[in-house]
All heavy atoms as atom14 arrays in JSON, in Angstrom:
{
  "sequence": "DHDFFQERIWPLLARRVPCFESLRVRGAWAGYYDYNTFDQNGVLGP",
  "atom14_mask": [
    [1, 1, 1, 1, 1, 1, 1, 1, 0, 0, 0, 0, 0, 0],
    [1, 1, 1, 1, 1, 1, 1, 1, 1, 1, 0, 0, 0, 0],
    [1, 1, 1, 1, 1, 1, 1, 1, 0, 0, 0, 0, 0, 0],
    [1, 1, 1, 1, 1, 1, 1, 1, 1, 1, 1, 0, 0, 0],
    [1, 1, 1, 1, 1, 1, 1, 1, 1, 1, 1, 0, 0, 0],
    [1, 1, 1, 1, 1, 1, 1, 1, 1, 0, 0, 0, 0, 0],
    [1, 1, 1, 1, 1, 1, 1, 1, 1, 0, 0, 0, 0, 0],
    [1, 1, 1, 1, 1, 1, 1, 1, 1, 1, 1, 0, 0, 0],
    [1, 1, 1, 1, 1, 1, 1, 1, 0, 0, 0, 0, 0, 0],
    [1, 1, 1, 1, 1, 1, 1, 1, 1, 1, 1, 1, 1, 1],
    [1, 1, 1, 1, 1, 1, 1, 0, 0, 0, 0, 0, 0, 0],
    [1, 1, 1, 1, 1, 1, 1, 1, 0, 0, 0, 0, 0, 0],
    [1, 1, 1, 1, 1, 1, 1, 1, 0, 0, 0, 0, 0, 0],
    [1, 1, 1, 1, 1, 0, 0, 0, 0, 0, 0, 0, 0, 0],
    [1, 1, 1, 1, 1, 1, 1, 1, 1, 1, 1, 0, 0, 0],
    [1, 1, 1, 1, 1, 1, 1, 1, 1, 1, 1, 0, 0, 0],
    [1, 1, 1, 1, 1, 1, 1, 0, 0, 0, 0, 0, 0, 0],
    [1, 1, 1, 1, 1, 1, 1, 0, 0, 0, 0, 0, 0, 0],
    [1, 1, 1, 1, 1, 1, 0, 0, 0, 0, 0, 0, 0, 0],
    [1, 1, 1, 1, 1, 1, 1, 1, 1, 1, 1, 0, 0, 0],
    [1, 1, 1, 1, 1, 1, 1, 1, 1, 0, 0, 0, 0, 0],
    [1, 1, 1, 1, 1, 1, 0, 0, 0, 0, 0, 0, 0, 0],
    [1, 1, 1, 1, 1, 1, 1, 1, 0, 0, 0, 0, 0, 0],
    [1, 1, 1, 1, 1, 1, 1, 1, 1, 1, 1, 0, 0, 0],
    [1, 1, 1, 1, 1, 1, 1, 0, 0, 0, 0, 0, 0, 0],
    [1, 1, 1, 1, 1, 1, 1, 1, 1, 1, 1, 0, 0, 0],
    [1, 1, 1, 1, 0, 0, 0, 0, 0, 0, 0, 0, 0, 0],
    [1, 1, 1, 1, 1, 0, 0, 0, 0, 0, 0, 0, 0, 0],
    [1, 1, 1, 1, 1, 1, 1, 1, 1, 1, 1, 1, 1, 1],
    [1, 1, 1, 1, 1, 0, 0, 0, 0, 0, 0, 0, 0, 0],
    [1, 1, 1, 1, 0, 0, 0, 0, 0, 0, 0, 0, 0, 0],
    [1, 1, 1, 1, 1, 1, 1, 1, 1, 1, 1, 1, 0, 0],
    [1, 1, 1, 1, 1, 1, 1, 1, 1, 1, 1, 1, 0, 0],
    [1, 1, 1, 1, 1, 1, 1, 1, 0, 0, 0, 0, 0, 0],
    [1, 1, 1, 1, 1, 1, 1, 1, 1, 1, 1, 1, 0, 0],
    [1, 1, 1, 1, 1, 1, 1, 1, 0, 0, 0, 0, 0, 0],
    [1, 1, 1, 1, 1, 1, 1, 0, 0, 0, 0, 0, 0, 0],
    [1, 1, 1, 1, 1, 1, 1, 1, 1, 1, 1, 0, 0, 0],
    [1, 1, 1, 1, 1, 1, 1, 1, 0, 0, 0, 0, 0, 0],
    [1, 1, 1, 1, 1, 1, 1, 1, 1, 0, 0, 0, 0, 0],
    [1, 1, 1, 1, 1, 1, 1, 1, 0, 0, 0, 0, 0, 0],
    [1, 1, 1, 1, 0, 0, 0, 0, 0, 0, 0, 0, 0, 0],
    [1, 1, 1, 1, 1, 1, 1, 0, 0, 0, 0, 0, 0, 0],
    [1, 1, 1, 1, 1, 1, 1, 1, 0, 0, 0, 0, 0, 0],
    [1, 1, 1, 1, 0, 0, 0, 0, 0, 0, 0, 0, 0, 0],
    [1, 1, 1, 1, 1, 1, 1, 0, 0, 0, 0, 0, 0, 0]
  ],
  "atom14_positions": [
    [[-4.12, -13.26, -1.32], [-3.0, -13.75, -2.05], [-2.31, -12.56, -2.75], [-2.72, -12.18, -3.85], [-3.46, -14.79, -3.08], [-2.29, -15.37, -3.91], [-1.18, -14.95, -3.73], [-2.62, -16.26, -4.75], [0.0, 0.0, 0.0], [0.0, 0.0, 0.0], [0.0, 0.0, 0.0], [0.0, 0.0, 0.0], [0.0, 0.0, 0.0], [0.0, 0.0, 0.0]],
    [[-1.31, -12.01, -2.13], [-0.66, -10.85, -2.66], [0.11, -11.16, -3.94], [0.36, -10.27, -4.76], [0.27, -10.21, -1.58], [-0.5, -9.57, -0.52], [-1.03, -8.33, -0.6], [-0.9, -10.04, 0.69], [-1.67, -8.01, 0.53], [-1.63, -9.07, 1.32], [0.0, 0.0, 0.0], [0.0, 0.0, 0.0], [0.0, 0.0, 0.0], [0.0, 0.0, 0.0]],
    [[0.54, -12.39, -4.09], [1.23, -12.82, -5.33], [0.28, -12.68, -6.55], [0.79, -12.39, -7.66], [1.74, -14.22, -5.24], [2.92, -14.35, -4.23], [3.57, -13.3, -3.95], [3.16, -15.48, -3.77], [0.0, 0.0, 0.0], [0.0, 0.0, 0.0], [0.0, 0.0, 0.0], [0.0, 0.0, 0.0], [0.0, 0.0, 0.0], [0.0, 0.0, 0.0]],
    [[-0.98, -12.84, -6.32], [-1.92, -12.75, -7.4], [-1.9, -11.32, -8.0], [-1.92, -11.13, -9.21], [-3.38, -13.03, -6.93], [-4.41, -13.09, -8.05], [-4.45, -14.06, -8.98], [-5.37, -12.07, -8.11], [-5.4, -14.1, -9.98], [-6.31, -12.1, -9.13], [-6.34, -13.14, -10.05], [0.0, 0.0, 0.0], [0.0, 0.0, 0.0], [0.0, 0.0, 0.0]],
    [[-1.74, -10.35, -7.17], [-1.59, -8.93, -7.59], [-0.29, -8.79, -8.34], [-0.2, -8.27, -9.47], [-1.73, -7.95, -6.45], [-1.65, -6.54, -6.93], [-2.79, -5.87, -7.4], [-0.45, -5.76, -6.97], [-2.74, -4.58, -7.88], [-0.45, -4.51, -7.38], [-1.53, -3.9, -7.87], [0.0, 0.0, 0.0], [0.0, 0.0, 0.0], [0.0, 0.0, 0.0]],
    [[0.81, -9.17, -7.68], [2.17, -8.95, -8.19], [2.33, -9.68, -9.52], [2.95, -9.09, -10.46], [3.18, -9.47, -7.2], [3.2, -8.77, -5.89], [3.64, -7.31, -6.03], [4.51, -6.96, -6.84], [3.06, -6.45, -5.25], [0.0, 0.0, 0.0], [0.0, 0.0, 0.0], [0.0, 0.0, 0.0], [0.0, 0.0, 0.0], [0.0, 0.0, 0.0]],
    [[1.88, -10.88, -9.67], [2.18, -11.67, -10.84], [1.11, -11.6, -11.9], [1.42, -11.7, -13.13], [2.28, -13.13, -10.41], [3.46, -13.41, -9.51], [3.4, -14.75, -8.87], [2.58, -15.59, -9.27], [4.24, -15.03, -7.94], [0.0, 0.0, 0.0], [0.0, 0.0, 0.0], [0.0, 0.0, 0.0], [0.0, 0.0, 0.0], [0.0, 0.0, 0.0]],
    [[-0.18, -11.3, -11.6], [-1.24, -11.37, -12.6], [-1.81, -10.02, -12.89], [-2.11, -9.68, -14.02], [-2.33, -12.35, -12.13], [-1.87, -13.73, -11.76], [-1.56, -14.57, -12.96], [-2.72, -15.01, -13.69], [-3.57, -15.97, -13.39], [-3.35, -16.66, -12.3], [-4.6, -16.28, -14.14], [0.0, 0.0, 0.0], [0.0, 0.0, 0.0], [0.0, 0.0, 0.0]],
    [[-2.11, -9.23, -11.88], [-2.8, -7.96, -12.04], [-1.92, -6.83, -12.39], [-2.1, -6.09, -13.37], [-3.67, -7.65, -10.78], [-4.68, -8.72, -10.56], [-4.37, -6.32, -11.01], [-5.44, -8.59, -9.21], [0.0, 0.0, 0.0], [0.0, 0.0, 0.0], [0.0, 0.0, 0.0], [0.0, 0.0, 0.0], [0.0, 0.0, 0.0], [0.0, 0.0, 0.0]],
    [[-0.83, -6.63, -11.62], [0.09, -5.51, -11.82], [0.6, -5.41, -13.24], [0.57, -4.31, -13.82], [1.18, -5.53, -10.78], [2.05, -4.3, -10.73], [1.8, -3.11, -11.37], [3.19, -4.1, -9.91], [2.8, -2.23, -11.02], [3.64, -2.79, -10.14], [3.87, -4.91, -9.05], [4.74, -2.27, -9.49], [4.94, -4.41, -8.39], [5.41, -3.09, -8.63]],
    [[1.09, -6.46, -13.85], [1.57, -6.32, -15.26], [0.47, -5.86, -16.21], [0.73, -5.06, -17.12], [2.0, -7.76, -15.6], [2.28, -8.42, -14.3], [1.29, -7.81, -13.32], [0.0, 0.0, 0.0], [0.0, 0.0, 0.0], [0.0, 0.0, 0.0], [0.0, 0.0, 0.0], [0.0, 0.0, 0.0], [0.0, 0.0, 0.0], [0.0, 0.0, 0.0]],
    [[-0.77, -6.27, -15.98], [-1.87, -5.83, -16.85], [-2.17, -4.37, -16.66], [-2.41, -3.64, -17.61], [-3.13, -6.69, -16.59], [-2.99, -8.19, -16.88], [-4.2, -8.92, -16.31], [-2.84, -8.41, -18.4], [0.0, 0.0, 0.0], [0.0, 0.0, 0.0], [0.0, 0.0, 0.0], [0.0, 0.0, 0.0], [0.0, 0.0, 0.0], [0.0, 0.0, 0.0]],
    [[-2.18, -3.95, -15.36], [-2.45, -2.53, -15.1], [-1.33, -1.66, -15.67], [-1.6, -0.61, -16.24], [-2.51, -2.34, -13.56], [-3.7, -2.93, -12.82], [-3.52, -2.8, -11.35], [-5.01, -2.27, -13.27], [0.0, 0.0, 0.0], [0.0, 0.0, 0.0], [0.0, 0.0, 0.0], [0.0, 0.0, 0.0], [0.0, 0.0, 0.0], [0.0, 0.0, 0.0]],
    [[-0.04, -2.07, -15.48], [1.04, -1.31, -16.03], [1.07, -1.21, -17.56], [1.51, -0.23, -18.1], [2.36, -1.86, -15.5], [0.0, 0.0, 0.0], [0.0, 0.0, 0.0], [0.0, 0.0, 0.0], [0.0, 0.0, 0.0], [0.0, 0.0, 0.0], [0.0, 0.0, 0.0], [0.0, 0.0, 0.0], [0.0, 0.0, 0.0], [0.0, 0.0, 0.0]],
    [[0.55, -2.27, -18.2], [0.53, -2.21, -19.64], [-0.59, -1.23, -20.09], [-0.45, -0.48, -21.03], [0.18, -3.6, -20.21], [0.27, -3.6, -21.73], [-0.16, -4.94, -22.29], [-1.6, -5.13, -22.14], [-2.2, -6.21, -21.79], [-1.52, -7.28, -21.46], [-3.5, -6.27, -21.7], [0.0, 0.0, 0.0], [0.0, 0.0, 0.0], [0.0, 0.0, 0.0]],
    [[-1.72, -1.22, -19.35], [-2.83, -0.36, -19.71], [-2.48, 1.15, -19.33], [-2.79, 2.07, -20.08], [-4.08, -0.78, -19.02], [-5.3, 0.15, -19.08], [-5.76, 0.36, -20.5], [-6.25, -0.85, -21.06], [-6.7, -0.94, -22.35], [-6.72, 0.11, -23.09], [-7.13, -2.11, -22.78], [0.0, 0.0, 0.0], [0.0, 0.0, 0.0], [0.0, 0.0, 0.0]],
    [[-1.92, 1.33, -18.13], [-1.53, 2.7, -17.62], [-0.09, 2.68, -17.23], [0.26, 2.25, -16.07], [-2.45, 3.03, -16.41], [-2.19, 4.42, -15.93], [-3.92, 2.9, -16.74], [0.0, 0.0, 0.0], [0.0, 0.0, 0.0], [0.0, 0.0, 0.0], [0.0, 0.0, 0.0], [0.0, 0.0, 0.0], [0.0, 0.0, 0.0], [0.0, 0.0, 0.0]],
    [[0.8, 3.06, -18.12], [2.21, 2.92, -17.84], [2.73, 3.52, -16.54], [3.67, 2.9, -15.91], [2.89, 3.59, -19.07], [1.85, 3.49, -20.15], [0.56, 3.58, -19.45], [0.0, 0.0, 0.0], [0.0, 0.0, 0.0], [0.0, 0.0, 0.0], [0.0, 0.0, 0.0], [0.0, 0.0, 0.0], [0.0, 0.0, 0.0], [0.0, 0.0, 0.0]],
    [[2.13, 4.59, -16.02], [2.63, 5.08, -14.78], [2.37, 4.17, -13.61], [2.99, 4.28, -12.49], [2.02, 6.48, -14.48], [0.24, 6.46, -14.3], [0.0, 0.0, 0.0], [0.0, 0.0, 0.0], [0.0, 0.0, 0.0], [0.0, 0.0, 0.0], [0.0, 0.0, 0.0], [0.0, 0.0, 0.0], [0.0, 0.0, 0.0], [0.0, 0.0, 0.0]],
    [[1.46, 3.17, -13.79], [1.25, 2.18, -12.7], [2.43, 1.26, -12.48], [2.46, 0.49, -11.56], [-0.05, 1.41, -12.99], [-1.33, 2.1, -12.65], [-2.55, 1.59, -13.02], [-1.29, 3.27, -11.84], [-3.71, 2.21, -12.68], [-2.5, 3.92, -11.5], [-3.68, 3.37, -11.94], [0.0, 0.0, 0.0], [0.0, 0.0, 0.0], [0.0, 0.0, 0.0]],
    [[3.43, 1.4, -13.36], [4.64, 0.57, -13.12], [5.26, 0.93, -11.74], [5.89, 0.13, -11.17], [5.71, 0.8, -14.24], [5.31, 0.15, -15.5], [6.3, 0.36, -16.6], [7.39, 0.89, -16.36], [5.98, 0.04, -17.74], [0.0, 0.0, 0.0], [0.0, 0.0, 0.0], [0.0, 0.0, 0.0], [0.0, 0.0, 0.0], [0.0, 0.0, 0.0]],
    [[5.04, 2.16, -11.28], [5.63, 2.65, -10.01], [4.64, 2.64, -8.88], [4.94, 3.3, -7.85], [6.25, 4.04, -10.23], [5.22, 4.98, -10.55], [0.0, 0.0, 0.0], [0.0, 0.0, 0.0], [0.0, 0.0, 0.0], [0.0, 0.0, 0.0], [0.0, 0.0, 0.0], [0.0, 0.0, 0.0], [0.0, 0.0, 0.0], [0.0, 0.0, 0.0]],
    [[3.48, 2.06, -9.0], [2.51, 2.05, -7.94], [3.02, 1.34, -6.71], [3.93, 0.5, -6.81], [1.16, 1.46, -8.39], [1.08, -0.07, -8.75], [1.01, -0.94, -7.51], [-0.16, -0.28, -9.56], [0.0, 0.0, 0.0], [0.0, 0.0, 0.0], [0.0, 0.0, 0.0], [0.0, 0.0, 0.0], [0.0, 0.0, 0.0], [0.0, 0.0, 0.0]],
    [[2.47, 1.67, -5.55], [2.78, 1.01, -4.28], [1.54, 0.55, -3.6], [0.61, 1.33, -3.31], [3.46, 2.01, -3.34], [4.84, 2.51, -3.84], [5.87, 1.38, -3.79], [7.1, 1.81, -4.36], [7.59, 1.38, -5.56], [6.85, 0.57, -6.32], [8.74, 1.77, -6.01], [0.0, 0.0, 0.0], [0.0, 0.0, 0.0], [0.0, 0.0, 0.0]],
    [[1.43, -0.78, -3.42], [0.27, -1.36, -2.77], [0.26, -0.91, -1.3], [1.23, -0.96, -0.63], [0.3, -2.93, -2.9], [-0.91, -3.51, -2.13], [0.25, -3.34, -4.32], [0.0, 0.0, 0.0], [0.0, 0.0, 0.0], [0.0, 0.0, 0.0], [0.0, 0.0, 0.0], [0.0, 0.0, 0.0], [0.0, 0.0, 0.0], [0.0, 0.0, 0.0]],
    [[-0.96, -0.46, -0.86], [-1.13, 0.05, 0.47], [-2.0, -0.93, 1.3], [-2.07, -0.79, 2.52], [-1.73, 1.42, 0.45], [-0.73, 2.45, -0.03], [-1.26, 3.79, 0.4], [-0.16, 4.77, 0.33], [-0.29, 6.04, 0.36], [-1.55, 6.55, 0.5], [0.66, 6.85, 0.29], [0.0, 0.0, 0.0], [0.0, 0.0, 0.0], [0.0, 0.0, 0.0]],
    [[-2.72, -1.75, 0.67], [-3.62, -2.66, 1.45], [-4.41, -3.56, 0.53], [-4.37, -3.4, -0.72], [0.0, 0.0, 0.0], [0.0, 0.0, 0.0], [0.0, 0.0, 0.0], [0.0, 0.0, 0.0], [0.0, 0.0, 0.0], [0.0, 0.0, 0.0], [0.0, 0.0, 0.0], [0.0, 0.0, 0.0], [0.0, 0.0, 0.0], [0.0, 0.0, 0.0]],
    [[-5.17, -4.5, 1.12], [-6.01, -5.42, 0.34], [-6.93, -6.04, 1.29], [-6.79, -6.08, 2.5], [-5.08, -6.41, -0.37], [0.0, 0.0, 0.0], [0.0, 0.0, 0.0], [0.0, 0.0, 0.0], [0.0, 0.0, 0.0], [0.0, 0.0, 0.0], [0.0, 0.0, 0.0], [0.0, 0.0, 0.0], [0.0, 0.0, 0.0], [0.0, 0.0, 0.0]],
    [[-8.05, -6.59, 0.72], [-8.98, -7.41, 1.49], [-9.53, -8.47, 0.57], [-9.5, -8.39, -0.66], [-10.07, -6.59, 2.14], [-11.08, -6.0, 1.21], [-12.17, -6.64, 0.78], [-11.1, -4.71, 0.72], [-12.92, -5.77, -0.03], [-12.27, -4.55, -0.13], [-10.26, -3.6, 0.73], [-12.62, -3.46, -0.82], [-10.57, -2.42, 0.04], [-11.74, -2.37, -0.7]],
    [[-10.08, -9.49, 1.19], [-10.76, -10.58, 0.5], [-12.17, -10.64, 0.96], [-12.47, -10.37, 2.11], [-10.01, -11.9, 0.72], [0.0, 0.0, 0.0], [0.0, 0.0, 0.0], [0.0, 0.0, 0.0], [0.0, 0.0, 0.0], [0.0, 0.0, 0.0], [0.0, 0.0, 0.0], [0.0, 0.0, 0.0], [0.0, 0.0, 0.0], [0.0, 0.0, 0.0]],
    [[-13.02, -10.99, 0.06], [-14.48, -11.1, 0.42], [-15.21, -12.01, -0.57], [-14.64, -12.41, -1.56], [0.0, 0.0, 0.0], [0.0, 0.0, 0.0], [0.0, 0.0, 0.0], [0.0, 0.0, 0.0], [0.0, 0.0, 0.0], [0.0, 0.0, 0.0], [0.0, 0.0, 0.0], [0.0, 0.0, 0.0], [0.0, 0.0, 0.0], [0.0, 0.0, 0.0]],
    [[-16.4, -12.21, -0.26], [-17.26, -13.06, -1.07], [-17.88, -12.25, -2.19], [-18.21, -11.1, -1.98], [-18.33, -13.75, -0.28], [-17.78, -14.64, 0.76], [-17.91, -14.34, 2.12], [-17.1, -15.8, 0.42], [-17.37, -15.16, 3.11], [-16.54, -16.59, 1.37], [-16.7, -16.32, 2.73], [-16.16, -17.14, 3.69], [0.0, 0.0, 0.0], [0.0, 0.0, 0.0]],
    [[-18.02, -12.84, -3.33], [-18.68, -12.25, -4.5], [-20.11, -12.81, -4.52], [-20.29, -13.97, -4.93], [-17.92, -12.49, -5.8], [-18.51, -11.8, -6.98], [-18.26, -10.45, -7.19], [-19.23, -12.47, -7.92], [-18.8, -9.82, -8.27], [-19.73, -11.82, -9.03], [-19.5, -10.49, -9.21], [-20.08, -9.84, -10.28], [0.0, 0.0, 0.0], [0.0, 0.0, 0.0]],
    [[-21.04, -12.09, -4.0], [-22.38, -12.58, -3.94], [-23.15, -12.26, -5.23], [-22.92, -11.2, -5.81], [-23.1, -11.88, -2.76], [-24.36, -12.58, -2.35], [-24.55, -13.74, -2.72], [-25.17, -11.88, -1.65], [0.0, 0.0, 0.0], [0.0, 0.0, 0.0], [0.0, 0.0, 0.0], [0.0, 0.0, 0.0], [0.0, 0.0, 0.0], [0.0, 0.0, 0.0]],
    [[-23.96, -13.17, -5.69], [-24.68, -12.93, -6.96], [-25.87, -13.87, -7.0], [-26.04, -14.82, -6.21], [-23.81, -13.17, -8.18], [-23.19, -14.54, -8.25], [-23.85, -15.58, -8.87], [-21.93, -14.81, -7.75], [-23.31, -16.81, -9.01], [-21.38, -16.08, -7.88], [-22.07, -17.04, -8.47], [-21.53, -18.34, -8.6], [0.0, 0.0, 0.0], [0.0, 0.0, 0.0]],
    [[-26.78, -13.51, -7.89], [-27.94, -14.31, -8.19], [-27.47, -15.61, -8.84], [-27.0, -15.63, -9.97], [-28.84, -13.51, -9.1], [-29.96, -14.32, -9.78], [-30.06, -15.51, -9.55], [-30.73, -13.69, -10.6], [0.0, 0.0, 0.0], [0.0, 0.0, 0.0], [0.0, 0.0, 0.0], [0.0, 0.0, 0.0], [0.0, 0.0, 0.0], [0.0, 0.0, 0.0]],
    [[-27.59, -16.73, -8.14], [-27.05, -18.01, -8.67], [-27.84, -18.6, -9.83], [-27.34, -19.44, -10.5], [-27.02, -19.01, -7.51], [-28.33, -19.27, -6.95], [-26.03, -18.61, -6.43], [0.0, 0.0, 0.0], [0.0, 0.0, 0.0], [0.0, 0.0, 0.0], [0.0, 0.0, 0.0], [0.0, 0.0, 0.0], [0.0, 0.0, 0.0], [0.0, 0.0, 0.0]],
    [[-29.02, -18.05, -10.07], [-29.81, -18.59, -11.24], [-29.15, -18.24, -12.53], [-28.97, -19.1, -13.37], [-31.23, -18.03, -11.16], [-32.08, -18.45, -12.36], [-32.44, -19.78, -12.5], [-32.53, -17.52, -13.24], [-33.21, -20.19, -13.59], [-33.29, -17.89, -14.31], [-33.66, -19.21, -14.49], [0.0, 0.0, 0.0], [0.0, 0.0, 0.0], [0.0, 0.0, 0.0]],
    [[-28.79, -16.97, -12.7], [-28.19, -16.55, -14.0], [-27.2, -15.35, -13.84], [-26.74, -14.79, -14.82], [-29.19, -16.25, -15.01], [-30.15, -15.06, -14.68], [-29.91, -14.4, -13.65], [-31.12, -14.85, -15.35], [0.0, 0.0, 0.0], [0.0, 0.0, 0.0], [0.0, 0.0, 0.0], [0.0, 0.0, 0.0], [0.0, 0.0, 0.0], [0.0, 0.0, 0.0]],
    [[-26.9, -14.96, -12.6], [-25.95, -13.88, -12.35], [-26.43, -12.53, -12.85], [-25.65, -11.63, -13.09], [-24.54, -14.22, -12.81], [-23.96, -15.43, -12.19], [-22.55, -15.69, -12.6], [-21.94, -15.03, -13.42], [-21.99, -16.78, -12.06], [0.0, 0.0, 0.0], [0.0, 0.0, 0.0], [0.0, 0.0, 0.0], [0.0, 0.0, 0.0], [0.0, 0.0, 0.0]],
    [[-27.76, -12.38, -13.08], [-28.33, -11.1, -13.43], [-29.3, -10.65, -12.4], [-29.81, -11.46, -11.61], [-29.04, -11.26, -14.77], [-28.08, -11.01, -15.94], [-27.52, -9.93, -16.03], [-27.99, -12.02, -16.75], [0.0, 0.0, 0.0], [0.0, 0.0, 0.0], [0.0, 0.0, 0.0], [0.0, 0.0, 0.0], [0.0, 0.0, 0.0], [0.0, 0.0, 0.0]],
    [[-29.6, -9.37, -12.4], [-30.55, -8.84, -11.41], [-31.95, -9.3, -11.7], [-32.26, -9.75, -12.78], [0.0, 0.0, 0.0], [0.0, 0.0, 0.0], [0.0, 0.0, 0.0], [0.0, 0.0, 0.0], [0.0, 0.0, 0.0], [0.0, 0.0, 0.0], [0.0, 0.0, 0.0], [0.0, 0.0, 0.0], [0.0, 0.0, 0.0], [0.0, 0.0, 0.0]],
    [[-32.76, -9.15, -10.72], [-34.23, -9.42, -10.85], [-34.92, -8.09, -10.51], [-34.64, -7.5, -9.51], [-34.68, -10.55, -9.91], [-36.19, -10.74, -9.96], [-33.95, -11.83, -10.16], [0.0, 0.0, 0.0], [0.0, 0.0, 0.0], [0.0, 0.0, 0.0], [0.0, 0.0, 0.0], [0.0, 0.0, 0.0], [0.0, 0.0, 0.0], [0.0, 0.0, 0.0]],
    [[-35.76, -7.65, -11.46], [-36.37, -6.34, -11.3], [-37.9, -6.42, -11.7], [-38.22, -6.87, -12.75], [-35.66, -5.4, -12.29], [-36.12, -3.9, -12.3], [-35.7, -3.22, -11.0], [-35.56, -3.23, -13.49], [0.0, 0.0, 0.0], [0.0, 0.0, 0.0], [0.0, 0.0, 0.0], [0.0, 0.0, 0.0], [0.0, 0.0, 0.0], [0.0, 0.0, 0.0]],
    [[-38.7, -6.03, -10.72], [-40.14, -5.98, -11.0], [-40.95, -6.49, -9.88], [-40.49, -6.78, -8.78], [0.0, 0.0, 0.0], [0.0, 0.0, 0.0], [0.0, 0.0, 0.0], [0.0, 0.0, 0.0], [0.0, 0.0, 0.0], [0.0, 0.0, 0.0], [0.0, 0.0, 0.0], [0.0, 0.0, 0.0], [0.0, 0.0, 0.0], [0.0, 0.0, 0.0]],
    [[-42.27, -6.51, -10.13], [-43.2, -6.96, -9.07], [-43.01, -8.45, -8.8], [-42.79, -9.21, -9.72], [-44.59, -6.65, -9.67], [-44.36, -6.58, -11.12], [-42.97, -6.12, -11.39], [0.0, 0.0, 0.0], [0.0, 0.0, 0.0], [0.0, 0.0, 0.0], [0.0, 0.0, 0.0], [0.0, 0.0, 0.0], [0.0, 0.0, 0.0], [0.0, 0.0, 0.0]]
  ]
}
C-alpha cells in the first residue's frame, strides 16, 4: 500500500528529518511480521 507511505509515514519522517521532504521512493516490499505469539518476547535458555 504505497499510499500508507505517502500519507502516514512520509510526513512523520520529514518532520523528524527535514531533508526527507525531498526523498524519492525507490521500492518497497510486504512481508509477514513473525513473532512469539505467547508474549512477543524472545525465549532464551535451556
